[in-house]
Amino acid sequence: MTTDPRRAGATFARSDAGGTVTEQGAAEAVIGDDALGVGPVTVSFLDADALRAADYKIELDLWPGGRLALTQLGRRFDTFTAELRRIRNQARVAGLLAHGTTMPEVFVGAVLGGTTPRPAELQIYDTHVTIVPEDGDPWQVPLGAVTALRAGDDPPAVVLETDAGPTTIGQLARRRDACHALIVKNLESQRQLLADLTGQEGFADGRGVPRAQVGGFAELAERFTAPERAPCAQALVAAATAEPQLGFVRLLDPDAEGPRSPTALPEGWAAFLLVPVGALTVLEILAGPSAATYVFKDGIEAVNRDGTPVLLVEQNVHRALALAARAYVLEQGVVALAGPAAALAAREDVRRAYLGL
């Protein structure tokens, strides 16, 4: 009998979205790095939308529909289930659009706020927090999107507030304070870096700050604008029809080193303007990786044909990626990923999340 936690004899039954069994039998179930295989059935972990294990039965809900059930694992049930859950979560977190530049510290708890707590793993990176529920898809909260952080006492929990709403993590046992302290430390480290860089408070990773809230807006923007991009940046601000914003973003997937600004940016960081111009919003990367002008608008064929890089934001993602040379992914108002449009279009996680493939 094998002692490999990734292998176990089992009976299996795969059913379609209507509940009809399409494949069944007995075979060795094998957990790979990216997929689970049993007999003729192979299920990518990116397609395993939920995992439940109870009464010696494992069930995987499959995308876009259907289910795989494993039974008769005997004494291997607990070890095989634990390993399957660990590897599946690892693969699905790796498929998220933003991932950490360092290894995270991991806490075990539960997502609160629904009718019942959802057991989950909390992965704290220096740029964001990733929540990995046992029974669903992982998601992440960029630290730049956090508007408030508090340690709740009834029940004991850590609450991350964002413009999109709160994320509450409880059942952390004696590690609640350590979890809260680590997020506070990472937020403070980010705040201090940007305060030292700009000489001002109020900046956060990926968040634009309106001109009225920035002392010496024009002078500060000039400090972080590469000379070759200054004419475009100045023209944009002059053409603004509403309050322009200045911000800084740490790119998790940066290009090679870009144009340099008079005041040096930390490695992997970029400075940007967000400028409303009529019905358009222009994202101007002032210096650092991917420095360029990106226009948010419809009907971009002529603009793109004339050589101006553009990012199209619309429901037709197929069309946007076909037209664009580069793409940016914004999560909760934070730039989470940048890369060539063709490369993003080829990524399995992007295809599933945005292209419905």
Foldseek 3Di string as FASTA:
>chain_A
DDPPLQKFKWWKFKAWQVRHTDDTDIAIWGDDLAWIDGVPDIAGLLQQFFWDDDPQKIWTAGPPGIIMIIHDRPPSSVSNVVVNLVSSQVNLQVLDLFDAPDFWDKFWFFWDDDPDTFTWIWTDHLFWIWIGTNTGHIDIDGLLQFPDWDQDVVPGWIWTQGPVGITTTDRRPPCSVVVSVVSVVSSVVQQVVVCVQQVDGDAGALAWDWPVVDDPSVVSLQQFAFPVCVVVVVVQCVQAPDTKTKHKHQARAFDPWWGGGNRGDPARMWIWMWGHHPPKTWIATRGTTPGFIEIEDPPCQVVLVVPHAYQYDDLPLVVRLVRGQKYFDADSSGGRHIDGSVVLCPRPSSCVVRVVD
